[in-house]
C-alpha atoms as a PDB file:
ATOM      1  CA  MET A   1      19.840 -41.881   1.135  1.00  0.00           C
ATOM      2  CA  HIS A   2      22.843 -39.111   1.076  1.00  0.00           C
ATOM      3  CA  PHE A   3      22.231 -39.027  -2.676  1.00  0.00           C
ATOM      4  CA  LYS A   4      18.568 -38.206  -2.655  1.00  0.00           C
ATOM      5  CA  LYS A   5      17.888 -35.879   0.189  1.00  0.00           C
ATOM      6  CA  SER A   6      21.439 -34.503  -1.783  1.00  0.00           C
ATOM      7  CA  VAL A   7      19.405 -34.034  -4.866  1.00  0.00           C
ATOM      8  CA  VAL A   8      16.059 -32.434  -3.200  1.00  0.00           C
ATOM      9  CA  ILE A   9      18.188 -29.566  -1.901  1.00  0.00           C
ATOM     10  CA  ILE A  10      19.313 -28.434  -5.559  1.00  0.00           C
ATOM     11  CA  PHE A  11      15.629 -29.138  -6.768  1.00  0.00           C
ATOM     12  CA  ALA A  12      15.047 -26.754  -4.705  1.00  0.00           C
ATOM     13  CA  SER A  13      17.471 -24.510  -4.610  1.00  0.00           C
ATOM     14  CA  LEU A  14      16.788 -24.727  -8.600  1.00  0.00           C
ATOM     15  CA  LEU A  15      13.216 -23.782  -7.552  1.00  0.00           C
ATOM     16  CA  ILE A  16      13.716 -21.175  -5.175  1.00  0.00           C
ATOM     17  CA  ALA A  17      15.864 -19.829  -7.931  1.00  0.00           C
ATOM     18  CA  THR A  18      13.696 -19.339 -10.425  1.00  0.00           C
ATOM     19  CA  ILE A  19      10.850 -17.274  -9.099  1.00  0.00           C
ATOM     20  CA  THR A  20      13.304 -16.012  -7.128  1.00  0.00           C
ATOM     21  CA  PHE A  21      14.919 -14.046 -10.824  1.00  0.00           C
ATOM     22  CA  GLY A  22      11.804 -13.900 -12.599  1.00  0.00           C
ATOM     23  CA  ALA A  23      10.406 -10.845 -10.515  1.00  0.00           C
ATOM     24  CA  GLU A  24      11.726  -7.662 -11.208  1.00  0.00           C
ATOM     25  CA  LYS A  25      12.499  -4.958  -8.264  1.00  0.00           C
ATOM     26  CA  TYR A  26      10.839  -1.308  -8.666  1.00  0.00           C
ATOM     27  CA  GLN A  27      10.916   1.602  -6.379  1.00  0.00           C
ATOM     28  CA  ILE A  28       7.761   3.820  -6.298  1.00  0.00           C
ATOM     29  CA  ASP A  29       8.645   7.368  -7.818  1.00  0.00           C
ATOM     30  CA  LEU A  30       7.119   9.115  -5.496  1.00  0.00           C
ATOM     31  CA  ALA A  31       7.522  12.323  -7.758  1.00  0.00           C
ATOM     32  CA  HIS A  32       4.782  10.333 -10.487  1.00  0.00           C
ATOM     33  CA  SER A  33       2.531   9.016  -6.954  1.00  0.00           C
ATOM     34  CA  SER A  34      -0.066   9.911  -4.612  1.00  0.00           C
ATOM     35  CA  VAL A  35      -1.792   7.663  -1.967  1.00  0.00           C
ATOM     36  CA  SER A  36      -4.660   9.940  -0.651  1.00  0.00           C
ATOM     37  CA  PHE A  37      -8.149   9.120   1.005  1.00  0.00           C
ATOM     38  CA  THR A  38     -11.847  10.332   1.479  1.00  0.00           C
ATOM     39  CA  VAL A  39     -13.656   9.962   4.428  1.00  0.00           C
ATOM     40  CA  LYS A  40     -17.455  11.662   5.377  1.00  0.00           C
ATOM     41  CA  HIS A  41     -18.133  15.105   7.102  1.00  0.00           C
ATOM     42  CA  LEU A  42     -19.926  16.217   9.013  1.00  0.00           C
ATOM     43  CA  MET A  43     -22.311  12.873   7.207  1.00  0.00           C
ATOM     44  CA  ILE A  44     -23.068  15.321   3.370  1.00  0.00           C
ATOM     45  CA  SER A  45     -19.526  15.918   2.266  1.00  0.00           C
ATOM     46  CA  ASN A  46     -16.290  14.173   1.823  1.00  0.00           C
ATOM     47  CA  VAL A  47     -12.959  15.468   3.281  1.00  0.00           C
ATOM     48  CA  LYS A  48      -9.598  14.436   0.591  1.00  0.00           C
ATOM     49  CA  GLY A  49      -6.618  13.742   2.380  1.00  0.00           C
ATOM     50  CA  GLU A  50      -3.193  12.146   1.062  1.00  0.00           C
ATOM     51  CA  PHE A  51      -0.196  12.119   2.967  1.00  0.00           C
ATOM     52  CA  ARG A  52       3.195  13.075   0.919  1.00  0.00           C
ATOM     53  CA  ASP A  53       5.951  10.735   2.812  1.00  0.00           C
ATOM     54  CA  PHE A  54       5.038   6.828   1.301  1.00  0.00           C
ATOM     55  CA  SER A  55       8.208   4.690  -0.130  1.00  0.00           C
ATOM     56  CA  GLY A  56       7.891   0.920  -1.235  1.00  0.00           C
ATOM     57  CA  THR A  57       9.143  -1.370  -3.211  1.00  0.00           C
ATOM     58  CA  ILE A  58       7.410  -3.688  -6.169  1.00  0.00           C
ATOM     59  CA  MET A  59       9.032  -7.408  -6.297  1.00  0.00           C
ATOM     60  CA  PHE A  60       6.892  -8.028 -10.394  1.00  0.00           C
ATOM     61  CA  ASP A  61       6.573 -10.916 -12.401  1.00  0.00           C
ATOM     62  CA  ASP A  62       4.825  -9.223 -15.836  1.00  0.00           C
ATOM     63  CA  LYS A  63       5.342 -13.098 -17.003  1.00  0.00           C
ATOM     64  CA  ASP A  64       3.080 -14.209 -13.430  1.00  0.00           C
ATOM     65  CA  ILE A  65       1.930 -12.049 -11.872  1.00  0.00           C
ATOM     66  CA  SER A  66       0.594 -14.169  -9.006  1.00  0.00           C
ATOM     67  CA  LYS A  67       4.486 -14.256  -7.933  1.00  0.00           C
ATOM     68  CA  SER A  68       4.820 -10.593  -8.302  1.00  0.00           C
ATOM     69  CA  SER A  69       4.954  -8.501  -4.638  1.00  0.00           C
ATOM     70  CA  VAL A  70       4.267  -5.208  -2.898  1.00  0.00           C
ATOM     71  CA  ALA A  71       5.554  -3.479   0.355  1.00  0.00           C
ATOM     72  CA  VAL A  72       4.788  -0.470   1.429  1.00  0.00           C
ATOM     73  CA  THR A  73       5.207   2.408   4.207  1.00  0.00           C
ATOM     74  CA  ILE A  74       4.459   5.206   4.934  1.00  0.00           C
ATOM     75  CA  LYS A  75       4.888   8.408   6.891  1.00  0.00           C
ATOM     76  CA  ALA A  76       1.168   8.622   9.295  1.00  0.00           C
ATOM     77  CA  ALA A  77       3.145  12.755  10.568  1.00  0.00           C
ATOM     78  CA  SER A  78       2.612  13.728   6.575  1.00  0.00           C
ATOM     79  CA  ILE A  79      -0.709  13.870   6.415  1.00  0.00           C
ATOM     80  CA  ASN A  80      -2.212  16.188   4.751  1.00  0.00           C
ATOM     81  CA  THR A  81      -5.215  17.444   3.944  1.00  0.00           C
ATOM     82  CA  HIS A  82      -4.835  21.543   3.292  1.00  0.00           C
ATOM     83  CA  ASP A  83      -5.837  22.735   7.343  1.00  0.00           C
ATOM     84  CA  ASP A  84      -3.044  23.194   9.441  1.00  0.00           C
ATOM     85  CA  LYS A  85      -5.471  23.178  12.620  1.00  0.00           C
ATOM     86  CA  ARG A  86      -6.934  19.667  11.102  1.00  0.00           C
ATOM     87  CA  ASP A  87      -3.941  17.682  10.150  1.00  0.00           C
ATOM     88  CA  GLY A  88      -2.439  18.640  14.059  1.00  0.00           C
ATOM     89  CA  HIS A  89      -5.189  16.743  15.176  1.00  0.00           C
ATOM     90  CA  LEU A  90      -5.307  14.201  12.845  1.00  0.00           C
ATOM     91  CA  ARG A  91      -1.321  13.716  13.758  1.00  0.00           C
ATOM     92  CA  SER A  92      -2.139  13.719  17.740  1.00  0.00           C
ATOM     93  CA  PRO A  93      -3.299  10.603  19.779  1.00  0.00           C
ATOM     94  CA  ASP A  94      -7.047  11.749  18.958  1.00  0.00           C
ATOM     95  CA  PHE A  95      -6.562   9.609  15.235  1.00  0.00           C
ATOM     96  CA  PHE A  96      -2.785   9.089  13.802  1.00  0.00           C
ATOM     97  CA  ASP A  97      -0.939   9.472  17.202  1.00  0.00           C
ATOM     98  CA  SER A  98       1.955   9.727  14.475  1.00  0.00           C
ATOM     99  CA  GLU A  99       4.879   9.826  16.820  1.00  0.00           C
ATOM    100  CA  LYS A 100       3.866   6.824  18.719  1.00  0.00           C
ATOM    101  CA  TYR A 101       3.398   4.533  15.673  1.00  0.00           C
ATOM    102  CA  SER A 102       5.238   7.304  12.489  1.00  0.00           C
ATOM    103  CA  ASP A 103       4.204   3.859  10.264  1.00  0.00           C
ATOM    104  CA  ILE A 104       1.395   2.711   8.111  1.00  0.00           C
ATOM    105  CA  THR A 105       2.776  -0.400   6.168  1.00  0.00           C
ATOM    106  CA  PHE A 106       1.095  -2.392   3.875  1.00  0.00           C
ATOM    107  CA  THR A 107       2.558  -6.354   3.012  1.00  0.00           C
ATOM    108  CA  SER A 108       1.432  -8.250   0.991  1.00  0.00           C
ATOM    109  CA  LYS A 109       0.902 -11.873   1.202  1.00  0.00           C
ATOM    110  CA  ARG A 110      -0.551 -12.938  -2.278  1.00  0.00           C
ATOM    111  CA  ALA A 111      -1.370 -11.485  -5.843  1.00  0.00           C
ATOM    112  CA  GLU A 112      -4.617 -12.876  -7.008  1.00  0.00           C
ATOM    113  CA  LYS A 113      -6.518 -12.798 -10.799  1.00  0.00           C
ATOM    114  CA  GLN A 114      -9.784 -11.137 -10.389  1.00  0.00           C
ATOM    115  CA  GLY A 115     -12.054 -10.273 -13.539  1.00  0.00           C
ATOM    116  CA  ASP A 116      -9.574  -7.936 -15.737  1.00  0.00           C
ATOM    117  CA  GLY A 117      -7.619  -6.817 -12.890  1.00  0.00           C
ATOM    118  CA  TRP A 118      -5.905  -8.701  -9.782  1.00  0.00           C
ATOM    119  CA  VAL A 119      -6.034  -8.320  -6.243  1.00  0.00           C
ATOM    120  CA  LEU A 120      -3.386  -8.283  -4.242  1.00  0.00           C
ATOM    121  CA  VAL A 121      -3.842  -9.752   0.305  1.00  0.00           C
ATOM    122  CA  GLY A 122      -1.630  -8.984   2.630  1.00  0.00           C
ATOM    123  CA  ASP A 123      -1.444  -7.166   5.464  1.00  0.00           C
ATOM    124  CA  LEU A 124      -2.084  -3.167   6.322  1.00  0.00           C
ATOM    125  CA  THR A 125      -1.210  -1.867   9.756  1.00  0.00           C
ATOM    126  CA  ILE A 126      -2.372   1.439  11.473  1.00  0.00           C
ATOM    127  CA  LYS A 127      -1.430   2.120  14.857  1.00  0.00           C
ATOM    128  CA  ASN A 128       0.575  -1.479  15.358  1.00  0.00           C
ATOM    129  CA  VAL A 129      -3.166  -2.938  14.526  1.00  0.00           C
ATOM    130  CA  THR A 130      -2.873  -5.947  11.712  1.00  0.00           C
ATOM    131  CA  LYS A 131      -5.414  -6.648   9.273  1.00  0.00           C
ATOM    132  CA  GLU A 132      -5.753  -8.586   6.419  1.00  0.00           C
ATOM    133  CA  VAL A 133      -7.100  -6.775   3.071  1.00  0.00           C
ATOM    134  CA  ALA A 134      -7.794  -7.450  -0.371  1.00  0.00           C
ATOM    135  CA  PHE A 135      -6.478  -4.741  -2.049  1.00  0.00           C
ATOM    136  CA  PRO A 136      -8.130  -4.711  -5.945  1.00  0.00           C
ATOM    137  CA  PHE A 137      -5.608  -2.772  -9.040  1.00  0.00           C
ATOM    138  CA  THR A 138      -4.702  -2.520 -12.285  1.00  0.00           C
ATOM    139  CA  LEU A 139      -1.457  -2.633 -13.728  1.00  0.00           C
ATOM    140  CA  ALA A 140      -0.227  -0.928 -16.552  1.00  0.00           C
ATOM    141  CA  GLY A 141       3.275  -0.940 -18.520  1.00  0.00           C
ATOM    142  CA  PRO A 142       6.197  -1.819 -18.018  1.00  0.00           C
ATOM    143  CA  ILE A 143       7.245   0.669 -20.293  1.00  0.00           C
ATOM    144  CA  THR A 144      10.460   1.658 -21.584  1.00  0.00           C
ATOM    145  CA  ASP A 145      10.150   6.381 -20.379  1.00  0.00           C
ATOM    146  CA  LEU A 146      12.843   8.557 -22.427  1.00  0.00           C
ATOM    147  CA  GLY A 147      15.238   8.681 -20.342  1.00  0.00           C
ATOM    148  CA  GLY A 148      15.856   4.814 -20.952  1.00  0.00           C
ATOM    149  CA  ASN A 149      14.228   3.025 -17.780  1.00  0.00           C
ATOM    150  CA  LYS A 150      11.817   0.242 -17.316  1.00  0.00           C
ATOM    151  CA  ARG A 151       8.503   1.603 -15.266  1.00  0.00           C
ATOM    152  CA  ILE A 152       5.475  -0.261 -14.077  1.00  0.00           C
ATOM    153  CA  ALA A 153       2.025   1.457 -12.374  1.00  0.00           C
ATOM    154  CA  ALA A 154      -0.469  -0.204 -10.720  1.00  0.00           C
ATOM    155  CA  GLN A 155      -3.897   2.025  -9.419  1.00  0.00           C
ATOM    156  CA  GLY A 156      -6.716   0.849  -6.988  1.00  0.00           C
ATOM    157  CA  SER A 157      -8.604   1.266  -4.438  1.00  0.00           C
ATOM    158  CA  LEU A 158      -8.977  -0.084  -0.640  1.00  0.00           C
ATOM    159  CA  PRO A 159     -12.804   1.173   1.414  1.00  0.00           C
ATOM    160  CA  ILE A 160     -11.823  -0.154   5.462  1.00  0.00           C
ATOM    161  CA  ASN A 161     -13.068   1.144   8.826  1.00  0.00           C
ATOM    162  CA  ARG A 162     -10.803   3.206  10.088  1.00  0.00           C
ATOM    163  CA  LEU A 163     -12.319   2.136  14.018  1.00  0.00           C
ATOM    164  CA  ASP A 164     -10.612  -1.510  13.494  1.00  0.00           C
ATOM    165  CA  TYR A 165      -7.981   0.538  13.351  1.00  0.00           C
ATOM    166  CA  GLY A 166      -7.861   2.020  16.542  1.00  0.00           C
ATOM    167  CA  VAL A 167      -8.257   5.870  15.053  1.00  0.00           C
ATOM    168  CA  SER A 168     -12.062   5.961  16.815  1.00  0.00           C
ATOM    169  CA  TRP A 169     -12.033  10.065  17.737  1.00  0.00           C
ATOM    170  CA  ASN A 170     -15.138  11.915  17.207  1.00  0.00           C
ATOM    171  CA  LYS A 171     -18.158  13.906  18.527  1.00  0.00           C
ATOM    172  CA  ASN A 172     -21.858  13.321  18.103  1.00  0.00           C
ATOM    173  CA  LEU A 173     -24.179  15.486  16.113  1.00  0.00           C
ATOM    174  CA  ASP A 174     -27.076  17.366  17.633  1.00  0.00           C
ATOM    175  CA  ASN A 175     -29.277  15.855  14.641  1.00  0.00           C
ATOM    176  CA  GLY A 176     -27.704  12.047  15.752  1.00  0.00           C
ATOM    177  CA  GLY A 177     -24.885  11.773  12.968  1.00  0.00           C
ATOM    178  CA  VAL A 178     -21.417  12.590  13.958  1.00  0.00           C
ATOM    179  CA  LEU A 179     -18.801  15.122  12.436  1.00  0.00           C
ATOM    180  CA  VAL A 180     -16.726  11.780  11.002  1.00  0.00           C
ATOM    181  CA  GLY A 181     -17.359   9.362   9.121  1.00  0.00           C
ATOM    182  CA  ASN A 182     -16.492   6.161  10.318  1.00  0.00           C
ATOM    183  CA  ALA A 183     -15.505   4.428   6.414  1.00  0.00           C
ATOM    184  CA  VAL A 184     -12.351   5.720   4.447  1.00  0.00           C
ATOM    185  CA  ASN A 185     -11.490   4.771   1.261  1.00  0.00           C
ATOM    186  CA  LEU A 186      -8.531   4.674   0.601  1.00  0.00           C
ATOM    187  CA  ASP A 187      -6.996   5.680  -3.145  1.00  0.00           C
ATOM    188  CA  ILE A 188      -3.810   4.892  -4.410  1.00  0.00           C
ATOM    189  CA  GLU A 189      -2.218   5.302  -8.451  1.00  0.00           C
ATOM    190  CA  VAL A 190       1.747   4.615  -7.835  1.00  0.00           C
ATOM    191  CA  GLU A 191       4.142   4.694 -10.758  1.00  0.00           C
ATOM    192  CA  ALA A 192       7.735   2.456  -9.824  1.00  0.00           C
ATOM    193  CA  ILE A 193      10.469   2.565 -11.266  1.00  0.00           C
ATOM    194  CA  LEU A 194      13.174  -0.395 -12.326  1.00  0.00           C
ATOM    195  CA  ALA A 195      15.904  -0.773  -9.839  1.00  0.00           C
ATOM    196  CA  LYS A 196      19.461   0.363 -11.048  1.00  0.00           C
ATOM    197  CA  GLU A 197      22.063  -2.818 -10.001  1.00  0.00           C
ATOM    198  CA  GLY A 198      22.897  -1.911  -6.863  1.00  0.00           C
ATOM    199  CA  THR A 199      20.468  -0.966  -5.336  1.00  0.00           C
ATOM    200  CA  HIS A 200      19.134  -1.898  -1.682  1.00  0.00           C
END
């Protein structure tokens, strides 16, 4: 009985080790990556913005991408729409309340094949509200750069409703519309570099 139990434990340990060592750890290269968004203004035009401070880790298995995973942290206070007054309002409790809720996070649960691309299913957290989302993305690489570093890249867009995350401030217009649209499109383009041994 003890022998069978030991065999099961050893087999399970080997299986976990195989999964773990099959994936390589990449870190997002901020200099070659962007996290941006688009939202309607006055219901007639699009306003674009970005978050300038973010970081993340990608555990990438090029032999079985479904075993890959992603964890990203975005600093809400780093929002930039090229208008200081508007950016200050976006950081306030009316919108992101960035002093209280400093981080926007995404943590994947699984990767699934979809057509020519992939979908990351995971938890998106904004203002301490967590919703499961399905984030479609495409992959490029791995390639080796001029410095001998191994790199991958991913690109994707995710539509969300800001009201779902408590980002709800608005003003009604005389024509029946609103000042800010509720639908927000998140656009992410990341390049990631293989972490060197010993990097946490």
